[in-house]
N, C-alpha and C. Protein backbone atom coordinates (compact mmCIF):
# COMPACT_ATOMS: atom_id res chain seq x y z
N MET A 1 10.77 -9.40 10.40
CA MET A 1 10.30 -9.12 8.91
C MET A 1 11.89 -9.33 8.32
N LEU A 2 12.92 -8.48 8.82
CA LEU A 2 14.16 -8.20 8.37
C LEU A 2 14.69 -9.20 8.70
N GLU A 3 14.58 -10.23 9.95
CA GLU A 3 15.34 -11.61 10.29
C GLU A 3 14.94 -13.08 9.26
N ARG A 4 13.18 -12.51 8.22
CA ARG A 4 12.80 -13.78 7.78
C ARG A 4 14.02 -13.67 6.51
N GLY A 5 14.13 -11.98 5.95
CA GLY A 5 14.62 -11.61 4.54
C GLY A 5 12.56 -11.09 3.95
N ASP A 6 11.73 -10.47 4.28
CA ASP A 6 10.87 -9.58 4.55
C ASP A 6 11.04 -8.90 3.80
N GLN A 7 10.75 -8.35 2.53
CA GLN A 7 10.45 -7.36 1.97
C GLN A 7 9.45 -6.18 1.51
N LEU A 8 9.33 -5.39 2.53
CA LEU A 8 7.74 -3.99 2.53
C LEU A 8 7.95 -3.67 1.29
N PHE A 9 6.44 -3.93 1.15
CA PHE A 9 6.03 -2.75 -0.09
C PHE A 9 5.30 -2.05 0.13
N THR A 10 5.26 -0.83 -0.72
CA THR A 10 3.86 0.56 -0.26
C THR A 10 3.87 1.18 -1.40
N SER A 11 2.75 1.42 -1.54
CA SER A 11 2.36 2.35 -2.85
C SER A 11 2.71 3.90 -2.78
N ALA A 12 3.14 4.31 -3.64
CA ALA A 12 3.74 6.04 -3.48
C ALA A 12 2.62 6.68 -3.37
N PHE A 13 0.97 6.40 -3.09
CA PHE A 13 0.40 7.38 -2.74
C PHE A 13 -0.11 6.82 -1.55
N ALA A 14 0.51 6.02 -0.86
CA ALA A 14 0.30 5.72 0.46
C ALA A 14 1.65 6.57 1.48
N VAL A 15 2.46 6.78 0.84
CA VAL A 15 3.60 7.56 1.20
C VAL A 15 3.43 9.07 1.23
N ALA A 16 2.82 9.54 0.03
CA ALA A 16 2.24 10.73 0.18
C ALA A 16 0.87 11.01 0.88
N GLU A 17 0.13 10.23 1.15
CA GLU A 17 -0.96 10.46 2.19
C GLU A 17 0.02 10.06 3.55
N ILE A 18 1.12 9.66 3.94
CA ILE A 18 1.49 9.64 5.51
C ILE A 18 2.50 11.07 5.73
N LEU A 19 2.58 11.72 4.01
CA LEU A 19 3.49 13.57 4.62
C LEU A 19 2.92 14.26 4.72
N VAL A 20 1.15 13.99 4.58
CA VAL A 20 0.41 15.07 4.34
C VAL A 20 0.27 16.02 5.81
N LYS A 21 0.25 15.18 7.19
CA LYS A 21 0.03 16.16 8.69
C LYS A 21 1.35 16.41 8.61
N PRO A 22 2.45 15.94 8.84
CA PRO A 22 3.86 16.84 8.75
C PRO A 22 4.17 18.27 7.75
N MET A 23 3.76 17.58 6.45
CA MET A 23 3.64 19.22 5.75
C MET A 23 2.79 20.20 6.17
N GLU A 24 1.47 19.62 6.16
CA GLU A 24 0.57 20.39 6.70
C GLU A 24 0.67 21.51 7.78
N THR A 25 1.63 20.90 9.07
CA THR A 25 1.92 21.46 9.78
C THR A 25 3.19 22.24 9.74
N GLY A 26 4.04 22.07 8.75
CA GLY A 26 5.03 22.44 8.93
C GLY A 26 6.90 21.92 9.50
N ARG A 27 6.08 20.46 9.59
CA ARG A 27 7.06 19.36 10.49
C ARG A 27 8.17 18.96 9.25
N ARG A 28 9.03 19.67 8.68
CA ARG A 28 9.57 19.01 7.64
C ARG A 28 10.48 18.17 7.96
N GLU A 29 11.01 18.40 9.66
CA GLU A 29 12.10 17.24 9.79
C GLU A 29 11.76 16.22 10.15
N ILE A 30 9.81 15.84 10.25
CA ILE A 30 9.35 14.42 10.41
C ILE A 30 9.22 14.11 9.40
N ALA A 31 8.88 14.79 8.21
CA ALA A 31 8.70 14.47 6.42
C ALA A 31 9.98 13.99 6.36
N GLU A 32 11.08 14.73 6.97
CA GLU A 32 12.32 13.77 5.96
C GLU A 32 12.46 12.39 6.83
N ARG A 33 12.29 12.58 7.87
CA ARG A 33 12.26 11.04 8.32
C ARG A 33 11.94 10.05 7.89
N TYR A 34 10.18 10.10 7.77
CA TYR A 34 9.57 9.66 7.07
C TYR A 34 10.23 9.00 5.59
N LEU A 35 10.45 10.57 5.24
CA LEU A 35 11.24 9.99 3.61
C LEU A 35 12.39 9.34 3.89
N ALA A 36 13.20 9.44 4.56
CA ALA A 36 14.45 8.34 5.23
C ALA A 36 14.03 6.70 5.26
N PHE A 37 12.97 6.68 5.70
CA PHE A 37 12.30 5.17 6.19
C PHE A 37 12.08 4.66 4.91
N PHE A 38 11.01 5.30 3.93
CA PHE A 38 10.97 4.65 2.60
C PHE A 38 12.17 4.40 1.58
N ARG A 39 13.31 5.07 2.35
CA ARG A 39 14.44 4.78 1.16
C ARG A 39 15.40 3.67 1.69
N HIS A 40 14.81 3.10 2.68
CA HIS A 40 15.46 2.20 2.89
C HIS A 40 15.65 0.75 2.38
N PRO A 41 16.56 -0.15 2.17
CA PRO A 41 16.59 -0.91 0.99
C PRO A 41 16.01 -2.39 1.35
N ALA A 42 15.07 -2.23 2.23
CA ALA A 42 13.81 -3.32 2.90
C ALA A 42 12.55 -3.03 2.24
N VAL A 43 12.49 -1.78 1.84
CA VAL A 43 11.45 -1.15 1.58
C VAL A 43 11.35 -0.44 0.53
N ALA A 44 10.19 -0.78 -0.70
CA ALA A 44 10.12 -1.04 -1.79
C ALA A 44 8.07 0.07 -2.24
N VAL A 45 9.04 1.44 -2.61
CA VAL A 45 7.67 2.05 -3.01
C VAL A 45 7.45 1.77 -4.62
N ILE A 46 6.07 1.41 -4.70
CA ILE A 46 5.46 0.89 -5.76
C ILE A 46 4.35 2.61 -6.80
N PRO A 47 5.22 2.74 -7.63
CA PRO A 47 4.41 3.83 -8.25
C PRO A 47 3.21 3.61 -9.17
N PHE A 48 2.15 4.39 -9.25
CA PHE A 48 0.88 4.28 -9.70
C PHE A 48 1.37 4.35 -11.54
N GLU A 49 1.41 3.61 -11.83
CA GLU A 49 1.48 3.35 -13.81
C GLU A 49 0.46 3.07 -14.44
N LEU A 50 0.40 3.48 -15.64
CA LEU A 50 -0.68 2.62 -16.98
C LEU A 50 -0.50 1.88 -16.64
N GLU A 51 -0.11 0.38 -16.35
CA GLU A 51 -0.84 -0.57 -15.98
C GLU A 51 -1.56 -1.05 -14.67
N SER A 52 -1.27 0.01 -13.44
CA SER A 52 -1.98 0.16 -12.39
C SER A 52 -3.33 0.85 -12.84
N SER A 53 -3.65 1.73 -13.71
CA SER A 53 -4.63 2.07 -13.86
C SER A 53 -6.07 1.08 -14.75
N SER A 54 -5.47 0.21 -15.20
CA SER A 54 -6.52 -0.66 -15.31
C SER A 54 -6.86 -1.65 -14.50
N ARG A 55 -5.53 -2.06 -13.55
CA ARG A 55 -6.60 -2.70 -12.54
C ARG A 55 -7.01 -2.28 -10.91
N TYR A 56 -6.95 -0.79 -11.40
CA TYR A 56 -7.37 -0.38 -10.25
C TYR A 56 -8.93 0.38 -11.02
N ALA A 57 -9.22 0.05 -12.57
CA ALA A 57 -10.43 0.25 -13.09
C ALA A 57 -11.04 -1.59 -12.97
N ALA A 58 -10.62 -2.20 -12.50
CA ALA A 58 -10.93 -3.69 -12.73
C ALA A 58 -11.67 -3.76 -10.97
N ILE A 59 -10.65 -3.21 -10.19
CA ILE A 59 -10.99 -3.06 -8.76
C ILE A 59 -12.20 -2.26 -8.60
N ARG A 60 -12.19 -1.29 -9.37
CA ARG A 60 -13.31 -0.46 -8.60
C ARG A 60 -14.05 -0.38 -9.31
N GLY A 61 -14.75 -1.62 -10.03
CA GLY A 61 -15.85 -2.38 -10.97
C GLY A 61 -16.50 -2.43 -9.43
N ASP A 62 -16.30 -3.18 -8.05
CA ASP A 62 -17.10 -3.30 -7.23
C ASP A 62 -16.98 -1.96 -6.52
N ARG A 63 -17.70 -1.30 -6.50
CA ARG A 63 -18.18 0.17 -5.92
C ARG A 63 -18.06 0.29 -4.41
N SER A 64 -18.10 -0.52 -3.72
CA SER A 64 -17.83 -0.85 -2.33
C SER A 64 -16.30 -0.52 -1.70
N VAL A 65 -15.42 -0.65 -2.89
CA VAL A 65 -13.99 -0.24 -3.02
C VAL A 65 -13.50 1.13 -2.95
N ARG A 66 -13.49 1.97 -1.93
CA ARG A 66 -13.00 3.16 -1.98
C ARG A 66 -11.85 3.80 -3.12
N PRO A 67 -11.84 5.05 -3.93
CA PRO A 67 -10.83 5.05 -5.13
C PRO A 67 -9.66 4.90 -4.28
N ALA A 68 -9.44 5.23 -2.64
CA ALA A 68 -7.71 5.59 -2.13
C ALA A 68 -7.32 3.74 -2.40
N ASP A 69 -8.39 3.04 -2.09
CA ASP A 69 -8.07 1.78 -1.44
C ASP A 69 -7.58 0.92 -3.10
N ALA A 70 -8.18 1.68 -4.36
CA ALA A 70 -8.28 0.87 -5.14
C ALA A 70 -6.79 1.00 -5.56
N ILE A 71 -6.08 2.36 -5.29
CA ILE A 71 -4.97 2.87 -5.89
C ILE A 71 -4.25 1.94 -5.66
N HIS A 72 -3.75 1.33 -4.02
CA HIS A 72 -3.80 0.88 -3.12
C HIS A 72 -3.34 -0.81 -3.45
N LEU A 73 -4.58 -0.92 -3.73
CA LEU A 73 -4.39 -2.65 -4.28
C LEU A 73 -4.06 -2.89 -5.66
N ALA A 74 -4.28 -2.01 -6.46
CA ALA A 74 -4.32 -2.11 -7.84
C ALA A 74 -2.48 -2.02 -7.96
N CYS A 75 -1.43 -1.11 -7.21
CA CYS A 75 -0.24 -0.87 -7.07
C CYS A 75 -0.12 -2.17 -6.49
N ALA A 76 -0.56 -3.11 -5.70
CA ALA A 76 -0.04 -4.37 -5.21
C ALA A 76 -0.27 -5.36 -5.74
N ALA A 77 -1.34 -5.22 -6.54
CA ALA A 77 -1.48 -6.34 -7.65
C ALA A 77 -0.55 -6.24 -8.95
N CYS A 78 -0.24 -5.11 -9.18
CA CYS A 78 0.59 -5.01 -10.35
C CYS A 78 2.10 -5.75 -9.53
N ALA A 79 2.63 -5.67 -8.49
CA ALA A 79 3.69 -5.86 -8.41
C ALA A 79 3.82 -7.41 -7.97
N GLY A 80 2.58 -7.78 -8.10
CA GLY A 80 2.61 -9.16 -7.23
C GLY A 80 3.04 -9.88 -5.99
N ILE A 81 2.13 -9.10 -5.31
CA ILE A 81 2.23 -8.51 -3.54
C ILE A 81 2.18 -10.30 -2.85
N ASP A 82 2.56 -11.04 -2.57
CA ASP A 82 2.06 -12.19 -1.50
C ASP A 82 1.20 -11.80 -0.23
N LEU A 83 1.48 -11.15 0.77
CA LEU A 83 0.72 -10.47 1.35
C LEU A 83 0.17 -9.48 1.55
N PHE A 84 -0.92 -8.72 1.20
CA PHE A 84 -1.55 -6.95 1.65
C PHE A 84 -1.91 -7.26 2.69
N ILE A 85 -1.46 -6.56 4.10
CA ILE A 85 -1.98 -6.16 4.76
C ILE A 85 -2.69 -4.64 5.51
N THR A 86 -4.08 -5.13 5.89
CA THR A 86 -4.53 -3.50 5.81
C THR A 86 -5.15 -3.54 7.12
N ASN A 87 -5.75 -2.22 7.90
CA ASN A 87 -6.12 -2.49 9.12
C ASN A 87 -7.76 -2.02 9.00
N ASP A 88 -8.32 -2.29 7.65
CA ASP A 88 -9.60 -2.20 7.25
C ASP A 88 -10.35 -3.36 6.97
N ASP A 89 -10.74 -4.02 7.81
CA ASP A 89 -11.52 -5.35 7.97
C ASP A 89 -12.50 -5.92 6.99
N ARG A 90 -12.92 -4.97 6.83
CA ARG A 90 -14.01 -5.00 5.17
C ARG A 90 -13.18 -5.46 4.01
N LEU A 91 -12.05 -4.50 3.71
CA LEU A 91 -11.28 -4.80 2.67
C LEU A 91 -10.33 -5.85 2.67
N SER A 92 -10.40 -6.49 3.57
CA SER A 92 -9.40 -7.58 3.93
C SER A 92 -10.62 -8.92 3.62
N ARG A 93 -11.56 -8.97 3.66
CA ARG A 93 -12.41 -10.11 2.88
C ARG A 93 -12.58 -9.95 1.12
N LYS A 94 -11.98 -8.90 0.74
CA LYS A 94 -12.22 -9.23 -1.33
C LYS A 94 -10.91 -9.97 -1.28
N VAL A 95 -11.15 -10.26 -2.62
CA VAL A 95 -10.95 -11.12 -3.66
C VAL A 95 -9.94 -10.39 -4.37
N VAL A 96 -8.57 -10.20 -4.76
CA VAL A 96 -8.21 -9.13 -6.02
C VAL A 96 -6.86 -10.08 -6.63
N SER A 97 -7.27 -10.11 -8.12
CA SER A 97 -6.21 -10.83 -8.61
C SER A 97 -4.75 -10.42 -8.97
N GLY A 98 -4.04 -11.15 -8.22
CA GLY A 98 -2.60 -10.26 -8.59
C GLY A 98 -2.06 -10.34 -7.11
N ILE A 99 -2.57 -10.58 -6.25
CA ILE A 99 -2.62 -10.56 -5.09
C ILE A 99 -2.92 -11.76 -3.94
N SER A 100 -2.30 -12.74 -3.65
CA SER A 100 -2.36 -13.51 -3.06
C SER A 100 -3.04 -14.00 -1.72
N PHE A 101 -2.65 -13.14 -0.75
CA PHE A 101 -3.70 -13.15 0.46
C PHE A 101 -3.86 -11.62 0.68
N LEU A 102 -4.99 -11.30 1.07
CA LEU A 102 -5.15 -9.80 1.66
C LEU A 102 -5.60 -10.51 3.18
N CYS A 103 -5.50 -9.40 4.49
CA CYS A 103 -5.03 -10.14 5.73
C CYS A 103 -5.68 -8.71 6.45
N ALA A 104 -6.31 -8.43 7.49
CA ALA A 104 -6.65 -7.51 8.29
C ALA A 104 -5.43 -7.56 9.46
N LEU A 105 -4.78 -6.41 9.83
CA LEU A 105 -3.63 -6.03 10.70
C LEU A 105 -3.73 -6.77 11.55
N ASP A 106 -4.53 -7.57 12.56
CA ASP A 106 -4.69 -7.81 13.71
C ASP A 106 -4.98 -9.40 13.13
N HIS A 107 -4.52 -9.99 12.24
CA HIS A 107 -4.75 -11.16 11.76
C HIS A 107 -3.59 -11.69 10.76
N ALA A 108 -2.58 -10.52 10.87
CA ALA A 108 -1.65 -10.55 10.05
C ALA A 108 -0.93 -11.57 10.70
N PRO A 109 -0.27 -12.79 10.07
CA PRO A 109 1.44 -13.50 10.22
C PRO A 109 2.59 -13.08 10.87
N LEU A 110 2.61 -11.50 11.47
CA LEU A 110 3.89 -10.87 11.53
C LEU A 110 4.53 -11.55 13.15
């Protein structure tokens, strides 16, 4: 990824979810290491903002998309993400305006 000059994007919601376990278990040093990773210049954290909320509502119109997944997708759509990689094969078959490609992790062109 770095050799190709790609940039990694994730949502602030995803970062929060990643921090739950180390915070829950009192592993503050692990949480800090995760946060350091997300502060790397090759990583951009996308906030869930007002524009994201209308995208979220449109995505949630498909009730098979869970709320947490809709937040991730809405943030990505607002950022104009080319490739959204998920470990949820069901989600990878969705079409979301603003995201060029949704791809299952095992099929990702990494």
